[in-house]
Amino acid sequence: MTKRVAILISGGGSNMVSLVQDMQSGDHPCEPVLVVSNVPDAGGLKKAVDLGVETAVVDHKPFGKDREAFEAELTRVLELAQPDIICCAGFMRILTETFTKRWGGQMLNIHPSLLPKYKGLHTHQRALDAGDAEHGCSVHEVTAELDGGPILGQAVIAVEAEDTAETLAARLLAWEHKLYPAVLRRYAAGDRSMLRLG
């Protein structure tokens, strides 16, 4: 049975596009049913519409610091779409334990570092500052611990001597677009083994 996938975004949605295009490529265990943004003017919303995917906005700002109230509305919108899997793709909100428990075992995220290294923000600069020879991205299950769930896939790239945070991010993004769709396919089929690319 085809798995229904909802995708959460906050920005341009390039990883969302790679996921949707892969799901629409024919023989795939998933179908994209909804793209939700917490930012009303996120560029990814138009891209989703252009790809024929339904969209919704749950703006976090009216909720102020009440994260649970925001997430209750987000859950309401998601439940209408009845997703089997939720993919966070550049969704810039830290999720509460209430939300991660509600969707536990159904939610994936992509993070631009070789977890468990560099949880949180500014991962490319942190890799450079540490003098790392390798950098990469990870797809993991979402749990209450920030960027701390089981790792399902990683792509590794070499850090070049002339790299800046910007060049590193740009090179890594191409690998994010390969890794996330590949992990989603496996995850939808019940395969939780580690995938390594690069």
Protein backbone atom coordinates (compact mmCIF):
# COMPACT_ATOMS: atom_id res chain seq x y z
CA MET A 1 0.00 0.00 0.00
CA THR A 2 1.32 3.45 -0.93
CA LYS A 3 2.48 5.50 2.06
CA ARG A 4 1.16 9.04 2.38
CA VAL A 5 3.91 11.62 3.00
CA ALA A 6 3.61 15.14 4.43
CA ILE A 7 6.62 17.46 4.22
CA LEU A 8 7.37 20.32 6.63
CA ILE A 9 9.36 23.31 5.33
CA SER A 10 10.34 26.82 6.39
CA GLY A 11 12.18 28.14 3.33
CA GLY A 12 12.99 27.47 -0.30
CA GLY A 13 12.17 23.79 -0.09
CA SER A 14 14.95 22.32 -2.24
CA ASN A 15 14.95 19.06 -0.27
CA MET A 16 11.16 18.99 -0.46
CA VAL A 17 11.40 19.27 -4.26
CA SER A 18 13.88 16.38 -4.44
CA LEU A 19 11.58 14.23 -2.29
CA VAL A 20 8.44 15.07 -4.29
CA GLN A 21 10.10 14.59 -7.67
CA ASP A 22 11.39 11.18 -6.58
CA MET A 23 7.95 10.17 -5.29
CA GLN A 24 6.41 11.26 -8.61
CA SER A 25 8.96 9.35 -10.70
CA GLY A 26 6.89 6.21 -11.09
CA ASP A 27 7.67 3.10 -9.10
CA HIS A 28 7.72 4.48 -5.55
CA PRO A 29 6.24 3.28 -2.24
CA CYS A 30 5.14 6.81 -1.30
CA GLU A 31 3.02 9.69 -2.54
CA PRO A 32 3.28 13.35 -1.45
CA VAL A 33 -0.04 14.52 0.02
CA LEU A 34 0.80 17.82 1.74
CA VAL A 35 3.53 20.42 2.13
CA VAL A 36 3.20 22.57 5.27
CA SER A 37 5.20 25.71 6.05
CA ASN A 38 5.40 27.72 9.26
CA VAL A 39 6.46 30.72 7.14
CA PRO A 40 3.61 32.15 5.01
CA ASP A 41 5.87 33.43 2.21
CA ALA A 42 8.27 30.46 2.10
CA GLY A 43 9.49 29.96 -1.46
CA GLY A 44 8.92 26.22 -1.23
CA LEU A 45 5.13 26.68 -1.14
CA LYS A 46 4.96 27.83 -4.77
CA LYS A 47 7.32 25.03 -5.80
CA ALA A 48 4.99 22.52 -4.15
CA VAL A 49 1.96 23.99 -5.94
CA ASP A 50 3.85 23.83 -9.24
CA LEU A 51 4.51 20.13 -8.53
CA GLY A 52 0.81 19.56 -7.93
CA VAL A 53 1.04 19.01 -4.17
CA GLU A 54 -1.49 20.48 -1.74
CA THR A 55 -0.06 23.11 0.62
CA ALA A 56 -0.94 24.62 3.98
CA VAL A 57 0.49 27.32 6.24
CA VAL A 58 0.61 27.20 10.02
CA ASP A 59 2.33 30.48 10.94
CA HIS A 60 4.13 30.11 14.26
CA LYS A 61 4.24 33.85 14.98
CA PRO A 62 0.66 34.32 16.27
CA PHE A 63 1.39 31.65 18.89
CA GLY A 64 4.30 33.61 20.38
CA LYS A 65 6.30 31.37 22.70
CA ASP A 66 3.48 28.82 23.09
CA ARG A 67 5.07 26.01 21.11
CA GLU A 68 2.48 23.44 22.15
CA ALA A 69 -0.39 25.59 20.86
CA PHE A 70 1.43 26.00 17.52
CA GLU A 71 2.06 22.27 17.34
CA ALA A 72 -1.56 21.47 18.23
CA GLU A 73 -2.65 23.45 15.16
CA LEU A 74 0.09 21.84 13.07
CA THR A 75 -1.09 18.40 14.20
CA ARG A 76 -4.69 19.31 13.32
CA VAL A 77 -3.64 20.27 9.78
CA LEU A 78 -1.50 17.15 9.42
CA GLU A 79 -4.21 14.83 10.69
CA LEU A 80 -6.56 16.08 7.94
CA ALA A 81 -4.00 14.78 5.40
CA GLN A 82 -3.59 11.45 7.24
CA PRO A 83 0.14 11.04 6.57
CA ASP A 84 1.94 7.77 7.23
CA ILE A 85 5.31 9.54 7.20
CA ILE A 86 6.31 13.15 7.92
CA CYS A 87 9.53 14.51 6.41
CA CYS A 88 11.06 17.62 7.95
CA ALA A 89 12.94 19.36 5.14
CA GLY A 90 14.44 22.60 6.37
CA PHE A 91 11.70 22.99 9.00
CA MET A 92 13.24 25.50 11.39
CA ARG A 93 11.24 24.77 14.54
CA ILE A 94 12.40 22.83 17.58
CA LEU A 95 9.66 20.30 18.29
CA THR A 96 8.31 19.48 21.74
CA GLU A 97 8.16 16.03 23.25
CA THR A 98 4.36 16.10 22.92
CA PHE A 99 4.61 16.49 19.14
CA THR A 100 7.45 14.01 18.67
CA LYS A 101 5.54 11.42 20.73
CA ARG A 102 2.38 11.95 18.68
CA TRP A 103 4.25 11.29 15.44
CA GLY A 104 6.90 8.97 16.88
CA GLY A 105 8.16 6.34 14.46
CA GLN A 106 6.70 8.29 11.52
CA MET A 107 8.95 11.34 11.26
CA LEU A 108 12.27 11.90 9.46
CA ASN A 109 14.61 14.88 9.32
CA ILE A 110 17.70 15.78 7.30
CA HIS A 111 20.52 17.57 9.09
CA PRO A 112 23.66 19.10 7.50
CA SER A 113 26.33 17.38 9.56
CA LEU A 114 27.66 13.90 10.25
CA LEU A 115 25.61 13.33 13.38
CA PRO A 116 26.22 13.01 16.27
CA LYS A 117 28.63 15.84 15.40
CA TYR A 118 27.30 19.40 15.24
CA LYS A 119 23.70 19.23 16.30
CA GLY A 120 21.83 22.51 15.84
CA LEU A 121 22.90 25.43 13.65
CA HIS A 122 26.00 26.69 11.78
CA THR A 123 27.19 23.16 11.04
CA HIS A 124 29.37 24.01 8.03
CA GLN A 125 31.34 26.69 9.86
CA ARG A 126 31.71 24.45 12.89
CA ALA A 127 33.17 21.67 10.72
CA LEU A 128 35.65 24.14 9.22
CA ASP A 129 36.57 25.61 12.61
CA ALA A 130 37.28 22.10 13.90
CA GLY A 131 39.59 21.37 10.95
CA ASP A 132 37.54 18.35 9.90
CA ALA A 133 38.72 16.45 6.81
CA GLU A 134 35.18 15.25 6.13
CA HIS A 135 31.74 16.78 6.37
CA GLY A 136 28.34 15.51 5.40
CA CYS A 137 24.64 15.21 6.06
CA SER A 138 22.47 12.77 8.00
CA VAL A 139 18.87 11.59 7.77
CA HIS A 140 17.51 10.49 11.13
CA GLU A 141 14.29 9.63 12.86
CA VAL A 142 12.91 12.54 14.86
CA THR A 143 12.74 12.13 18.63
CA ALA A 144 12.39 14.57 21.52
CA GLU A 145 16.19 15.00 21.53
CA LEU A 146 17.28 17.69 19.05
CA ASP A 147 18.98 16.00 16.07
CA GLY A 148 19.33 12.94 18.28
CA GLY A 149 17.14 10.19 16.81
CA PRO A 150 18.40 6.97 15.18
CA ILE A 151 20.52 7.72 12.09
CA LEU A 152 19.22 6.08 8.90
CA GLY A 153 21.62 7.47 6.32
CA GLN A 154 24.67 9.66 5.81
CA ALA A 155 26.44 11.19 2.82
CA VAL A 156 30.10 12.16 3.23
CA ILE A 157 32.13 14.75 1.31
CA ALA A 158 35.75 15.83 1.65
CA VAL A 159 36.50 19.27 3.06
CA GLU A 160 38.70 21.17 0.58
CA ALA A 161 41.45 23.55 1.72
CA GLU A 162 39.74 26.55 0.07
CA ASP A 163 36.25 25.76 1.39
CA THR A 164 34.10 28.37 3.08
CA ALA A 165 30.88 27.65 4.93
CA GLU A 166 29.04 28.72 1.76
CA THR A 167 30.94 26.49 -0.68
CA LEU A 168 30.72 23.55 1.71
CA ALA A 169 26.95 24.04 2.09
CA ALA A 170 26.47 24.28 -1.68
CA ARG A 171 28.42 21.08 -2.40
CA LEU A 172 26.68 19.22 0.38
CA LEU A 173 23.20 20.24 -0.78
CA ALA A 174 23.54 18.13 -3.93
CA TRP A 175 24.20 15.11 -1.70
CA GLU A 176 21.26 15.98 0.55
CA HIS A 177 19.06 15.80 -2.55
CA LYS A 178 20.33 12.26 -3.23
CA LEU A 179 20.36 10.95 0.33
CA TYR A 180 16.93 12.01 1.59
CA PRO A 181 14.87 10.44 -1.24
CA ALA A 182 16.94 7.24 -1.01
CA VAL A 183 16.38 6.94 2.74
CA LEU A 184 12.65 7.69 2.39
CA ARG A 185 12.24 4.85 -0.11
CA ARG A 186 13.93 2.41 2.26
CA TYR A 187 12.11 3.70 5.34
CA ALA A 188 8.70 3.34 3.63
CA ALA A 189 9.60 -0.28 2.87
CA GLY A 190 10.46 -0.94 6.52
CA ASP A 191 14.25 -0.84 6.05
CA ARG A 192 15.88 1.00 8.97
CA SER A 193 19.45 -0.08 8.16
CA MET A 194 22.11 2.58 7.68
CA LEU A 195 22.65 3.92 4.14
CA ARG A 196 26.01 5.50 3.31
CA LEU A 197 26.71 7.63 0.23
CA GLY A 198 29.84 9.40 -0.93
